[in-house]
Amino acid sequence: MEHFTLNNGIKIPKVGIGTNTFGKIDHNFSAPINMETKELLDAFSNGYRLIDTAIMYRNEMVIGKALKETNIPRELFMITSKISARVEYIRDDNTIEGWLNNSLMHIGSYIDLYLIHHPSEQNEENLRLWKVLESYYLKGHFKAIGVSNFNIQQLSYLIKHATIKPMVNQIESNPANWNHELIKFCLNNDILPEAWGPLDPVPNKEVLSKIGMKYQKSWAQVLLRYQIERGVVVIPKSHNKDRQLENISIFDFKLAPEDILLIEG
């Protein structure tokens, strides 16, 4: 595994795994939790150490259970969770702290990366939530903090008014919406961009497959490689052990400049 470095010096794997349907009946996002950890343990054995969950996924306790079931030391993992800035989570500081404490209880004694999942339309509300995350970071409960789905204006406000600059912005980035300008803004401000759902949608799959033949790689591996080469963390999701391994096996080739032009085109 290769790593990027956050603006507080912490290392983060370049490839992680999304878990929003893990530990649920039929892998259905809205289905009841069944506490199944097989796919997570498969991911661990395949080399995944960056694991992405959220309060809204309802499966933080499944992640915590898998961490207890594996023989891999906890300090080798980077567990991410998230709290939304929607009103039901942030009515007041006590409500916010209740949700954050639940996350800590479910996952363990600390969480490596904690994000604001969805921004409020009110910058002041985002800042209010952010200040609580800052306090948990300063107490050591969170090793790093960041945001998700923030646009340039929302990020700019937070950078200007926060005590601690966000370390990550988890955003959509795929061939249907590369989000070039937002990614450029993040990189220029020392905020690491992270792509959720990096393999969907993919309208240029034919182009990617053709490039993949050159490197003996799949279209998905080409796409994920492109993202990490431009400085973006990727968190693809798969319940299939073989597909998980394929998605993480992208560190043995480098894309030629002409291939990058084709991908972006």
Protein backbone atom coordinates (compact mmCIF):
# COMPACT_ATOMS: atom_id res chain seq x y z
CA MET A 1 0.00 0.00 0.00
CA GLU A 2 1.10 3.55 -0.75
CA HIS A 3 0.07 6.56 1.32
CA PHE A 4 -0.65 10.26 1.07
CA THR A 5 0.16 12.58 3.99
CA LEU A 6 -2.51 14.77 5.59
CA ASN A 7 -1.76 18.36 6.56
CA ASN A 8 -1.26 17.27 10.18
CA GLY A 9 1.39 14.72 9.19
CA ILE A 10 -0.75 11.58 9.46
CA LYS A 11 -0.41 8.99 6.67
CA ILE A 12 -3.55 7.80 4.87
CA PRO A 13 -3.74 4.86 2.42
CA LYS A 14 -4.32 5.86 -1.19
CA VAL A 15 -7.00 3.17 -1.56
CA GLY A 16 -9.71 2.34 0.96
CA ILE A 17 -13.05 0.57 0.89
CA GLY A 18 -16.57 1.94 1.18
CA THR A 19 -18.93 0.06 3.48
CA ASN A 20 -22.37 1.66 3.22
CA THR A 21 -24.04 -1.70 2.46
CA PHE A 22 -21.81 -3.90 4.63
CA GLY A 23 -23.28 -5.80 7.56
CA LYS A 24 -26.81 -5.48 6.16
CA ILE A 25 -29.32 -8.04 4.88
CA ASP A 26 -28.86 -8.62 1.13
CA HIS A 27 -26.30 -5.79 1.07
CA ASN A 28 -29.23 -3.39 0.85
CA PHE A 29 -28.46 0.11 2.16
CA SER A 30 -31.85 0.45 3.88
CA ALA A 31 -32.08 -3.15 5.14
CA PRO A 32 -31.71 -4.18 8.79
CA ILE A 33 -28.23 -4.72 10.18
CA ASN A 34 -27.21 -8.41 10.42
CA MET A 35 -23.70 -7.82 11.90
CA GLU A 36 -22.09 -9.96 9.17
CA THR A 37 -18.35 -9.18 8.98
CA LYS A 38 -17.16 -11.64 6.31
CA GLU A 39 -16.72 -9.02 3.57
CA LEU A 40 -14.84 -6.73 5.95
CA LEU A 41 -12.52 -9.53 7.05
CA ASP A 42 -11.98 -10.37 3.35
CA ALA A 43 -11.06 -6.73 2.76
CA PHE A 44 -8.63 -6.80 5.68
CA SER A 45 -6.94 -9.94 4.31
CA ASN A 46 -6.72 -8.28 0.88
CA GLY A 47 -4.73 -5.43 2.39
CA TYR A 48 -7.35 -2.74 2.99
CA ARG A 49 -6.61 -0.57 6.02
CA LEU A 50 -8.65 2.56 5.17
CA ILE A 51 -12.26 1.69 6.04
CA ASP A 52 -15.06 4.22 5.42
CA THR A 53 -18.33 4.27 7.35
CA ALA A 54 -20.79 6.89 8.68
CA ILE A 55 -23.54 7.39 11.22
CA MET A 56 -26.08 7.36 8.38
CA TYR A 57 -24.89 3.90 7.29
CA ARG A 58 -25.99 2.51 10.69
CA ASN A 59 -23.13 -0.01 10.64
CA GLU A 60 -20.39 1.54 12.75
CA MET A 61 -20.82 -1.32 15.21
CA VAL A 62 -20.18 -3.81 12.39
CA ILE A 63 -16.83 -2.13 11.72
CA GLY A 64 -16.04 -2.27 15.44
CA LYS A 65 -16.93 -5.97 15.56
CA ALA A 66 -14.64 -6.74 12.60
CA LEU A 67 -11.77 -4.88 14.24
CA LYS A 68 -12.15 -7.12 17.28
CA GLU A 69 -12.32 -10.28 15.14
CA THR A 70 -9.13 -9.65 13.16
CA ASN A 71 -5.59 -10.33 14.36
CA ILE A 72 -4.35 -7.18 12.61
CA PRO A 73 -3.34 -4.51 15.17
CA ARG A 74 -5.83 -1.64 15.46
CA GLU A 75 -3.12 0.98 14.94
CA LEU A 76 -2.57 -0.26 11.37
CA PHE A 77 -6.11 0.75 10.38
CA MET A 78 -7.47 4.15 9.44
CA ILE A 79 -11.18 4.11 10.24
CA THR A 80 -13.31 6.95 8.89
CA SER A 81 -16.77 7.91 10.11
CA LYS A 82 -19.00 10.87 9.40
CA ILE A 83 -21.77 13.01 10.89
CA SER A 84 -24.20 14.96 8.73
CA ALA A 85 -24.89 18.66 9.28
CA ARG A 86 -28.60 17.91 8.85
CA VAL A 87 -30.76 19.26 11.63
CA GLU A 88 -31.51 15.94 13.35
CA TYR A 89 -27.82 15.52 14.14
CA ILE A 90 -26.92 19.07 15.17
CA ARG A 91 -29.82 20.55 17.13
CA ASP A 92 -27.37 21.61 19.85
CA ASP A 93 -23.89 20.72 21.09
CA ASN A 94 -25.25 18.00 23.39
CA THR A 95 -26.95 16.31 20.43
CA ILE A 96 -23.76 16.49 18.39
CA GLU A 97 -21.65 15.10 21.22
CA GLY A 98 -24.16 12.28 21.74
CA TRP A 99 -23.77 11.15 18.13
CA LEU A 100 -19.97 11.47 18.22
CA ASN A 101 -19.79 9.51 21.47
CA ASN A 102 -21.94 6.78 19.91
CA SER A 103 -19.46 6.56 17.03
CA LEU A 104 -16.59 6.18 19.48
CA MET A 105 -18.49 3.55 21.46
CA HIS A 106 -19.29 1.50 18.35
CA ILE A 107 -15.87 1.71 16.66
CA GLY A 108 -13.52 1.83 19.63
CA SER A 109 -11.59 4.19 21.87
CA TYR A 110 -10.64 6.53 19.02
CA ILE A 111 -11.48 7.18 15.36
CA ASP A 112 -8.76 7.97 12.85
CA LEU A 113 -10.67 10.34 10.58
CA TYR A 114 -14.00 12.03 11.27
CA LEU A 115 -15.84 14.06 8.63
CA ILE A 116 -18.84 16.33 8.30
CA HIS A 117 -20.82 14.09 5.93
CA HIS A 118 -23.14 16.62 4.29
CA PRO A 119 -22.82 20.39 4.63
CA SER A 120 -25.63 22.60 5.84
CA GLU A 121 -26.69 25.38 3.48
CA GLN A 122 -25.78 27.72 6.33
CA ASN A 123 -22.03 28.23 6.68
CA GLU A 124 -22.48 29.20 10.31
CA GLU A 125 -24.04 25.80 11.04
CA ASN A 126 -21.14 24.01 9.37
CA LEU A 127 -18.73 26.03 11.49
CA ARG A 128 -20.67 25.24 14.67
CA LEU A 129 -20.43 21.51 13.96
CA TRP A 130 -16.81 21.85 12.93
CA LYS A 131 -15.86 23.44 16.25
CA VAL A 132 -17.18 20.37 18.07
CA LEU A 133 -15.09 18.13 15.78
CA GLU A 134 -12.10 20.36 16.53
CA SER A 135 -12.60 19.81 20.27
CA TYR A 136 -12.69 16.02 19.82
CA TYR A 137 -9.56 16.23 17.66
CA LEU A 138 -7.71 18.28 20.27
CA LYS A 139 -8.69 15.76 22.96
CA GLY A 140 -7.27 12.91 20.85
CA HIS A 141 -10.62 11.20 20.22
CA PHE A 142 -10.16 11.80 16.48
CA LYS A 143 -6.70 11.61 14.87
CA ALA A 144 -7.76 13.73 11.90
CA ILE A 145 -10.87 15.68 10.86
CA GLY A 146 -12.32 16.79 7.57
CA VAL A 147 -15.45 17.31 5.51
CA SER A 148 -17.42 15.64 2.74
CA ASN A 149 -19.37 17.06 -0.19
CA PHE A 150 -18.22 20.62 0.53
CA ASN A 151 -17.96 23.01 -2.43
CA ILE A 152 -15.31 25.71 -2.84
CA GLN A 153 -17.38 28.42 -1.17
CA GLN A 154 -18.20 26.23 1.84
CA LEU A 155 -14.57 25.16 2.19
CA SER A 156 -13.35 28.74 1.89
CA TYR A 157 -15.62 29.87 4.72
CA LEU A 158 -14.45 27.05 6.96
CA ILE A 159 -10.78 27.71 6.19
CA LYS A 160 -11.23 31.40 7.04
CA HIS A 161 -13.12 30.93 10.32
CA ALA A 162 -11.91 27.58 11.70
CA THR A 163 -9.05 27.08 14.13
CA ILE A 164 -8.01 23.85 12.40
CA LYS A 165 -8.04 23.51 8.62
CA PRO A 166 -9.91 20.47 7.24
CA MET A 167 -7.55 17.65 6.34
CA VAL A 168 -9.82 15.85 3.85
CA ASN A 169 -12.73 16.68 1.55
CA GLN A 170 -14.54 13.49 0.46
CA ILE A 171 -16.38 14.26 -2.78
CA GLU A 172 -17.85 12.72 -5.90
CA SER A 173 -15.24 12.15 -8.58
CA ASN A 174 -15.80 9.78 -11.49
CA PRO A 175 -15.76 9.98 -15.30
CA ALA A 176 -19.26 11.51 -15.30
CA ASN A 177 -18.15 14.25 -12.89
CA TRP A 178 -14.41 14.60 -12.43
CA ASN A 179 -14.79 17.66 -10.18
CA HIS A 180 -11.49 19.03 -11.52
CA GLU A 181 -11.85 22.57 -10.14
CA LEU A 182 -12.81 21.44 -6.65
CA ILE A 183 -9.96 18.93 -6.56
CA LYS A 184 -7.51 21.61 -7.72
CA PHE A 185 -8.77 23.95 -4.98
CA CYS A 186 -8.36 21.25 -2.33
CA LEU A 187 -4.82 20.37 -3.41
CA ASN A 188 -3.82 24.05 -3.58
CA ASN A 189 -5.07 24.49 0.00
CA ASP A 190 -3.41 21.35 1.38
CA ILE A 191 -6.73 19.54 1.81
CA LEU A 192 -6.64 15.97 0.53
CA PRO A 193 -9.45 15.10 -1.92
CA GLU A 194 -11.03 11.68 -1.52
CA ALA A 195 -13.37 10.18 -4.11
CA TRP A 196 -16.49 8.32 -3.02
CA GLY A 197 -18.16 6.09 -5.62
CA PRO A 198 -15.14 6.35 -7.95
CA LEU A 199 -16.34 3.49 -10.18
CA ASP A 200 -19.87 4.68 -10.90
CA PRO A 201 -21.03 6.04 -13.28
CA VAL A 202 -18.45 5.30 -15.96
CA PRO A 203 -19.57 6.43 -19.44
CA ASN A 204 -16.04 5.95 -20.88
CA LYS A 205 -15.63 2.28 -19.96
CA GLU A 206 -14.63 1.35 -23.55
CA VAL A 207 -11.75 3.83 -23.49
CA LEU A 208 -10.61 2.63 -20.08
CA SER A 209 -10.76 -1.01 -21.16
CA LYS A 210 -8.65 -0.28 -24.23
CA ILE A 211 -6.03 1.48 -22.10
CA GLY A 212 -6.15 -1.42 -19.65
CA MET A 213 -5.13 -3.92 -22.34
CA LYS A 214 -1.82 -2.05 -22.65
CA TYR A 215 -1.04 -2.66 -18.97
CA GLN A 216 -2.91 -5.97 -18.55
CA LYS A 217 -5.28 -4.23 -16.17
CA SER A 218 -9.08 -3.90 -15.99
CA TRP A 219 -10.95 -0.69 -16.78
CA ALA A 220 -11.58 -0.26 -13.04
CA GLN A 221 -7.88 -0.54 -12.20
CA VAL A 222 -7.04 2.06 -14.85
CA LEU A 223 -9.65 4.43 -13.47
CA LEU A 224 -8.52 4.04 -9.86
CA ARG A 225 -4.88 4.44 -10.89
CA TYR A 226 -5.72 7.69 -12.69
CA GLN A 227 -7.29 9.10 -9.53
CA ILE A 228 -4.40 8.32 -7.20
CA GLU A 229 -1.88 9.64 -9.73
CA ARG A 230 -3.60 13.02 -9.57
CA GLY A 231 -3.51 13.04 -5.78
CA VAL A 232 -6.96 11.69 -4.94
CA VAL A 233 -7.72 8.94 -2.40
CA VAL A 234 -10.25 6.39 -3.70
CA ILE A 235 -12.70 4.29 -1.72
CA PRO A 236 -14.29 1.79 -4.12
CA LYS A 237 -16.78 -0.68 -2.69
CA SER A 238 -17.09 -4.40 -3.36
CA HIS A 239 -18.45 -7.35 -1.39
CA ASN A 240 -16.57 -9.78 -3.62
CA LYS A 241 -13.14 -10.84 -2.35
CA ASP A 242 -11.63 -11.18 -5.83
CA ARG A 243 -12.96 -7.79 -6.93
CA GLN A 244 -11.68 -6.22 -3.73
CA LEU A 245 -8.21 -7.56 -4.53
CA GLU A 246 -8.43 -6.27 -8.10
CA ASN A 247 -9.37 -2.78 -6.91
CA ILE A 248 -6.37 -2.56 -4.58
CA SER A 249 -3.85 -4.03 -7.06
CA ILE A 250 -2.97 -0.76 -8.79
CA PHE A 251 0.55 0.00 -7.53
CA ASP A 252 2.54 -1.92 -10.13
CA PHE A 253 1.96 0.31 -13.17
CA LYS A 254 1.93 3.98 -14.11
CA LEU A 255 -0.22 5.63 -16.76
CA ALA A 256 1.46 7.26 -19.74
CA PRO A 257 0.64 10.97 -20.39
CA GLU A 258 -1.27 10.09 -23.57
CA ASP A 259 -3.48 7.68 -21.60
CA ILE A 260 -4.30 10.38 -19.05
CA LEU A 261 -5.39 12.67 -21.87
CA LEU A 262 -7.69 9.94 -23.20
CA ILE A 263 -9.17 9.31 -19.75
CA GLU A 264 -9.86 13.00 -19.16
CA GLY A 265 -11.22 13.43 -22.65
